[in-house]
């Protein structure tokens, strides 16, 4: 994960149950805490899983 940092918005390969696939990073460490931008659900995933599932990194203003 080259340029990923706190506050970035990422697009995952697989969509969330609510239909969105854009997530904001709200905690960065060994585990990442992600917040769905559609339904506000918060999930924690290991960093390696997020690295595998990330499709692209979007700007914060998109």
PDB file of N, CA and C in Angstrom:
ATOM      1  N   UNK A   1       0.856  -1.159   0.000  1.00  0.00           N
ATOM      2  CA  UNK A   1       0.000   0.000   0.000  1.00  0.00           C
ATOM      3  C   UNK A   1       0.905   1.226   0.000  1.00  0.00           C
ATOM      4  N   UNK A   2       1.083   1.774  -1.145  1.00  0.00           N
ATOM      5  CA  UNK A   2       2.070   2.821  -1.305  1.00  0.00           C
ATOM      6  C   UNK A   2       1.642   4.138  -0.667  1.00  0.00           C
ATOM      7  N   UNK A   3       0.603   4.725  -1.200  1.00  0.00           N
ATOM      8  CA  UNK A   3       0.235   6.080  -0.816  1.00  0.00           C
ATOM      9  C   UNK A   3      -0.991   6.146   0.079  1.00  0.00           C
ATOM     10  N   UNK A   4      -1.332   5.057   0.719  1.00  0.00           N
ATOM     11  CA  UNK A   4      -2.541   5.050   1.539  1.00  0.00           C
ATOM     12  C   UNK A   4      -2.239   5.681   2.886  1.00  0.00           C
ATOM     13  N   UNK A   5      -3.150   6.536   3.361  1.00  0.00           N
ATOM     14  CA  UNK A   5      -2.968   7.184   4.658  1.00  0.00           C
ATOM     15  C   UNK A   5      -4.323   7.455   5.286  1.00  0.00           C
ATOM     16  N   UNK A   6      -4.274   7.897   6.503  1.00  0.00           N
ATOM     17  CA  UNK A   6      -5.491   8.183   7.253  1.00  0.00           C
ATOM     18  C   UNK A   6      -6.331   9.233   6.529  1.00  0.00           C
ATOM     19  N   UNK A   7      -7.622   8.976   6.397  1.00  0.00           N
ATOM     20  CA  UNK A   7      -8.522   9.918   5.742  1.00  0.00           C
ATOM     21  C   UNK A   7      -8.714   9.669   4.256  1.00  0.00           C
ATOM     22  N   UNK A   8      -7.930   8.775   3.660  1.00  0.00           N
ATOM     23  CA  UNK A   8      -8.089   8.468   2.237  1.00  0.00           C
ATOM     24  C   UNK A   8      -9.377   7.702   1.992  1.00  0.00           C
ATOM     25  N   UNK A   9      -9.875   7.813   0.789  1.00  0.00           N
ATOM     26  CA  UNK A   9     -11.038   7.046   0.348  1.00  0.00           C
ATOM     27  C   UNK A   9     -10.530   6.009  -0.636  1.00  0.00           C
ATOM     28  N   UNK A  10     -10.888   4.748  -0.386  1.00  0.00           N
ATOM     29  CA  UNK A  10     -10.458   3.669  -1.270  1.00  0.00           C
ATOM     30  C   UNK A  10     -11.678   2.980  -1.868  1.00  0.00           C
ATOM     31  N   UNK A  11     -11.472   2.406  -3.031  1.00  0.00           N
ATOM     32  CA  UNK A  11     -12.523   1.625  -3.679  1.00  0.00           C
ATOM     33  C   UNK A  11     -12.091   0.166  -3.624  1.00  0.00           C
ATOM     34  N   UNK A  12     -12.959  -0.676  -3.074  1.00  0.00           N
ATOM     35  CA  UNK A  12     -12.650  -2.094  -2.958  1.00  0.00           C
ATOM     36  C   UNK A  12     -13.195  -2.844  -4.164  1.00  0.00           C
ATOM     37  N   UNK A  13     -12.620  -4.019  -4.422  1.00  0.00           N
ATOM     38  CA  UNK A  13     -13.019  -4.823  -5.571  1.00  0.00           C
ATOM     39  C   UNK A  13     -14.454  -5.322  -5.448  1.00  0.00           C
ATOM     40  N   UNK A  14     -14.841  -5.689  -4.237  1.00  0.00           N
ATOM     41  CA  UNK A  14     -16.163  -6.244  -4.004  1.00  0.00           C
ATOM     42  C   UNK A  14     -16.998  -5.218  -3.246  1.00  0.00           C
ATOM     43  N   UNK A  15     -18.243  -5.063  -3.627  1.00  0.00           N
ATOM     44  CA  UNK A  15     -19.121  -4.078  -3.008  1.00  0.00           C
ATOM     45  C   UNK A  15     -19.622  -4.503  -1.640  1.00  0.00           C
ATOM     46  N   UNK A  16     -20.045  -3.539  -0.865  1.00  0.00           N
ATOM     47  CA  UNK A  16     -20.645  -3.767   0.445  1.00  0.00           C
ATOM     48  C   UNK A  16     -22.095  -4.209   0.251  1.00  0.00           C
ATOM     49  N   UNK A  17     -22.687  -4.724   1.275  1.00  0.00           N
ATOM     50  CA  UNK A  17     -24.072  -5.205   1.201  1.00  0.00           C
ATOM     51  C   UNK A  17     -25.057  -4.083   0.857  1.00  0.00           C
ATOM     52  N   UNK A  18     -24.717  -2.851   1.191  1.00  0.00           N
ATOM     53  CA  UNK A  18     -25.593  -1.715   0.893  1.00  0.00           C
ATOM     54  C   UNK A  18     -25.478  -1.284  -0.565  1.00  0.00           C
ATOM     55  N   UNK A  19     -24.493  -1.828  -1.289  1.00  0.00           N
ATOM     56  CA  UNK A  19     -24.345  -1.511  -2.700  1.00  0.00           C
ATOM     57  C   UNK A  19     -23.166  -0.610  -3.025  1.00  0.00           C
ATOM     58  N   UNK A  20     -22.569   0.001  -2.027  1.00  0.00           N
ATOM     59  CA  UNK A  20     -21.426   0.897  -2.254  1.00  0.00           C
ATOM     60  C   UNK A  20     -20.125   0.110  -2.157  1.00  0.00           C
ATOM     61  N   UNK A  21     -19.074   0.660  -2.743  1.00  0.00           N
ATOM     62  CA  UNK A  21     -17.760   0.039  -2.589  1.00  0.00           C
ATOM     63  C   UNK A  21     -16.680   1.077  -2.299  1.00  0.00           C
ATOM     64  N   UNK A  22     -17.075   2.240  -1.793  1.00  0.00           N
ATOM     65  CA  UNK A  22     -16.133   3.283  -1.411  1.00  0.00           C
ATOM     66  C   UNK A  22     -16.081   3.374   0.110  1.00  0.00           C
ATOM     67  N   UNK A  23     -14.858   3.353   0.636  1.00  0.00           N
ATOM     68  CA  UNK A  23     -14.630   3.334   2.068  1.00  0.00           C
ATOM     69  C   UNK A  23     -13.635   4.407   2.458  1.00  0.00           C
ATOM     70  N   UNK A  24     -13.836   5.024   3.611  1.00  0.00           N
ATOM     71  CA  UNK A  24     -12.890   5.991   4.162  1.00  0.00           C
ATOM     72  C   UNK A  24     -12.084   5.311   5.259  1.00  0.00           C
ATOM     73  N   UNK A  25     -10.778   5.546   5.283  1.00  0.00           N
ATOM     74  CA  UNK A  25      -9.917   4.971   6.308  1.00  0.00           C
ATOM     75  C   UNK A  25      -9.966   5.892   7.523  1.00  0.00           C
ATOM     76  N   UNK A  26     -10.456   5.367   8.656  1.00  0.00           N
ATOM     77  CA  UNK A  26     -10.566   6.190   9.860  1.00  0.00           C
ATOM     78  C   UNK A  26      -9.607   5.753  10.962  1.00  0.00           C
ATOM     79  N   UNK A  27      -8.929   4.615  10.782  1.00  0.00           N
ATOM     80  CA  UNK A  27      -7.877   4.186  11.713  1.00  0.00           C
ATOM     81  C   UNK A  27      -6.859   3.409  10.910  1.00  0.00           C
ATOM     82  N   UNK A  28      -5.584   3.682  11.179  1.00  0.00           N
ATOM     83  CA  UNK A  28      -4.517   3.070  10.412  1.00  0.00           C
ATOM     84  C   UNK A  28      -3.514   2.459  11.365  1.00  0.00           C
ATOM     85  N   UNK A  29      -3.291   1.167  11.241  1.00  0.00           N
ATOM     86  CA  UNK A  29      -2.336   0.451  12.080  1.00  0.00           C
ATOM     87  C   UNK A  29      -2.183  -0.949  11.532  1.00  0.00           C
ATOM     88  N   UNK A  30      -2.000  -1.934  12.409  1.00  0.00           N
ATOM     89  CA  UNK A  30      -1.947  -3.321  11.960  1.00  0.00           C
ATOM     90  C   UNK A  30      -3.284  -3.715  11.346  1.00  0.00           C
ATOM     91  N   UNK A  31      -4.361  -3.221  11.939  1.00  0.00           N
ATOM     92  CA  UNK A  31      -5.705  -3.359  11.373  1.00  0.00           C
ATOM     93  C   UNK A  31      -6.153  -1.991  10.903  1.00  0.00           C
ATOM     94  N   UNK A  32      -6.930  -1.980   9.829  1.00  0.00           N
ATOM     95  CA  UNK A  32      -7.481  -0.728   9.332  1.00  0.00           C
ATOM     96  C   UNK A  32      -8.958  -0.675   9.677  1.00  0.00           C
ATOM     97  N   UNK A  33      -9.403   0.467  10.133  1.00  0.00           N
ATOM     98  CA  UNK A  33     -10.828   0.666  10.387  1.00  0.00           C
ATOM     99  C   UNK A  33     -11.378   1.456   9.208  1.00  0.00           C
ATOM    100  N   UNK A  34     -12.376   0.877   8.548  1.00  0.00           N
ATOM    101  CA  UNK A  34     -12.963   1.474   7.355  1.00  0.00           C
ATOM    102  C   UNK A  34     -14.410   1.843   7.617  1.00  0.00           C
ATOM    103  N   UNK A  35     -14.836   2.991   7.065  1.00  0.00           N
ATOM    104  CA  UNK A  35     -16.225   3.427   7.194  1.00  0.00           C
ATOM    105  C   UNK A  35     -16.828   3.494   5.799  1.00  0.00           C
ATOM    106  N   UNK A  36     -17.931   2.803   5.618  1.00  0.00           N
ATOM    107  CA  UNK A  36     -18.652   2.829   4.346  1.00  0.00           C
ATOM    108  C   UNK A  36     -19.211   4.239   4.136  1.00  0.00           C
ATOM    109  N   UNK A  37     -19.005   4.791   2.955  1.00  0.00           N
ATOM    110  CA  UNK A  37     -19.471   6.151   2.692  1.00  0.00           C
ATOM    111  C   UNK A  37     -20.955   6.224   2.357  1.00  0.00           C
ATOM    112  N   UNK A  38     -21.605   5.085   2.183  1.00  0.00           N
ATOM    113  CA  UNK A  38     -23.024   5.070   1.880  1.00  0.00           C
ATOM    114  C   UNK A  38     -23.868   4.886   3.140  1.00  0.00           C
ATOM    115  N   UNK A  39     -23.581   3.837   3.917  1.00  0.00           N
ATOM    116  CA  UNK A  39     -24.429   3.506   5.066  1.00  0.00           C
ATOM    117  C   UNK A  39     -23.774   3.798   6.413  1.00  0.00           C
ATOM    118  N   UNK A  40     -22.531   4.313   6.413  1.00  0.00           N
ATOM    119  CA  UNK A  40     -21.809   4.692   7.631  1.00  0.00           C
ATOM    120  C   UNK A  40     -21.403   3.508   8.509  1.00  0.00           C
ATOM    121  N   UNK A  41     -21.483   2.283   8.003  1.00  0.00           N
ATOM    122  CA  UNK A  41     -21.067   1.094   8.758  1.00  0.00           C
ATOM    123  C   UNK A  41     -19.555   1.117   8.921  1.00  0.00           C
ATOM    124  N   UNK A  42     -19.065   0.702  10.093  1.00  0.00           N
ATOM    125  CA  UNK A  42     -17.627   0.674  10.367  1.00  0.00           C
ATOM    126  C   UNK A  42     -17.182  -0.773  10.522  1.00  0.00           C
ATOM    127  N   UNK A  43     -16.118  -1.145   9.815  1.00  0.00           N
ATOM    128  CA  UNK A  43     -15.552  -2.488   9.900  1.00  0.00           C
ATOM    129  C   UNK A  43     -14.046  -2.372  10.104  1.00  0.00           C
ATOM    130  N   UNK A  44     -13.466  -3.416  10.710  1.00  0.00           N
ATOM    131  CA  UNK A  44     -12.016  -3.479  10.868  1.00  0.00           C
ATOM    132  C   UNK A  44     -11.507  -4.683  10.092  1.00  0.00           C
ATOM    133  N   UNK A  45     -10.467  -4.460   9.301  1.00  0.00           N
ATOM    134  CA  UNK A  45      -9.864  -5.516   8.507  1.00  0.00           C
ATOM    135  C   UNK A  45      -8.350  -5.480   8.702  1.00  0.00           C
ATOM    136  N   UNK A  46      -7.708  -6.637   8.667  1.00  0.00           N
ATOM    137  CA  UNK A  46      -6.246  -6.641   8.700  1.00  0.00           C
ATOM    138  C   UNK A  46      -5.679  -5.912   7.481  1.00  0.00           C
ATOM    139  N   UNK A  47      -4.530  -5.290   7.668  1.00  0.00           N
ATOM    140  CA  UNK A  47      -3.919  -4.499   6.606  1.00  0.00           C
ATOM    141  C   UNK A  47      -3.683  -5.334   5.342  1.00  0.00           C
ATOM    142  N   UNK A  48      -3.286  -6.580   5.498  1.00  0.00           N
ATOM    143  CA  UNK A  48      -3.006  -7.433   4.334  1.00  0.00           C
ATOM    144  C   UNK A  48      -4.268  -7.701   3.528  1.00  0.00           C
ATOM    145  N   UNK A  49      -5.417  -7.866   4.201  1.00  0.00           N
ATOM    146  CA  UNK A  49      -6.683  -8.077   3.490  1.00  0.00           C
ATOM    147  C   UNK A  49      -7.093  -6.828   2.715  1.00  0.00           C
ATOM    148  N   UNK A  50      -6.902  -5.665   3.319  1.00  0.00           N
ATOM    149  CA  UNK A  50      -7.238  -4.418   2.624  1.00  0.00           C
ATOM    150  C   UNK A  50      -6.341  -4.252   1.407  1.00  0.00           C
ATOM    151  N   UNK A  51      -5.074  -4.604   1.536  1.00  0.00           N
ATOM    152  CA  UNK A  51      -4.132  -4.507   0.414  1.00  0.00           C
ATOM    153  C   UNK A  51      -4.593  -5.388  -0.749  1.00  0.00           C
ATOM    154  N   UNK A  52      -5.074  -6.585  -0.447  1.00  0.00           N
ATOM    155  CA  UNK A  52      -5.533  -7.507  -1.492  1.00  0.00           C
ATOM    156  C   UNK A  52      -6.840  -7.041  -2.127  1.00  0.00           C
ATOM    157  N   UNK A  53      -7.715  -6.446  -1.344  1.00  0.00           N
ATOM    158  CA  UNK A  53      -9.061  -6.097  -1.813  1.00  0.00           C
ATOM    159  C   UNK A  53      -9.159  -4.709  -2.446  1.00  0.00           C
ATOM    160  N   UNK A  54      -8.128  -3.891  -2.335  1.00  0.00           N
ATOM    161  CA  UNK A  54      -8.194  -2.527  -2.850  1.00  0.00           C
ATOM    162  C   UNK A  54      -8.088  -2.515  -4.366  1.00  0.00           C
ATOM    163  N   UNK A  55      -9.055  -1.856  -4.988  1.00  0.00           N
ATOM    164  CA  UNK A  55      -9.063  -1.700  -6.436  1.00  0.00           C
ATOM    165  C   UNK A  55      -8.280  -0.441  -6.817  1.00  0.00           C
ATOM    166  N   UNK A  56      -8.606   0.691  -6.161  1.00  0.00           N
ATOM    167  CA  UNK A  56      -7.861   1.924  -6.399  1.00  0.00           C
ATOM    168  C   UNK A  56      -8.046   2.870  -5.224  1.00  0.00           C
ATOM    169  N   UNK A  57      -7.121   3.820  -5.145  1.00  0.00           N
ATOM    170  CA  UNK A  57      -7.152   4.836  -4.098  1.00  0.00           C
ATOM    171  C   UNK A  57      -7.701   6.104  -4.712  1.00  0.00           C
ATOM    172  N   UNK A  58      -8.747   6.638  -4.118  1.00  0.00           N
ATOM    173  CA  UNK A  58      -9.390   7.854  -4.619  1.00  0.00           C
ATOM    174  C   UNK A  58      -8.949   9.042  -3.767  1.00  0.00           C
ATOM    175  N   UNK A  59      -9.094  10.220  -4.311  1.00  0.00           N
ATOM    176  CA  UNK A  59      -8.817  11.418  -3.526  1.00  0.00           C
ATOM    177  C   UNK A  59      -9.889  11.605  -2.477  1.00  0.00           C
ATOM    178  N   UNK A  60      -9.562  12.334  -1.452  1.00  0.00           N
ATOM    179  CA  UNK A  60     -10.518  12.564  -0.362  1.00  0.00           C
ATOM    180  C   UNK A  60     -11.727  13.367  -0.841  1.00  0.00           C
ATOM    181  N   UNK A  61     -11.556  14.229  -1.829  1.00  0.00           N
ATOM    182  CA  UNK A  61     -12.652  15.087  -2.279  1.00  0.00           C
ATOM    183  C   UNK A  61     -13.566  14.448  -3.318  1.00  0.00           C
ATOM    184  N   UNK A  62     -13.299  13.200  -3.722  1.00  0.00           N
ATOM    185  CA  UNK A  62     -14.176  12.539  -4.695  1.00  0.00           C
ATOM    186  C   UNK A  62     -15.371  11.912  -4.028  1.00  0.00           C
TER     187      UNK A  62
END
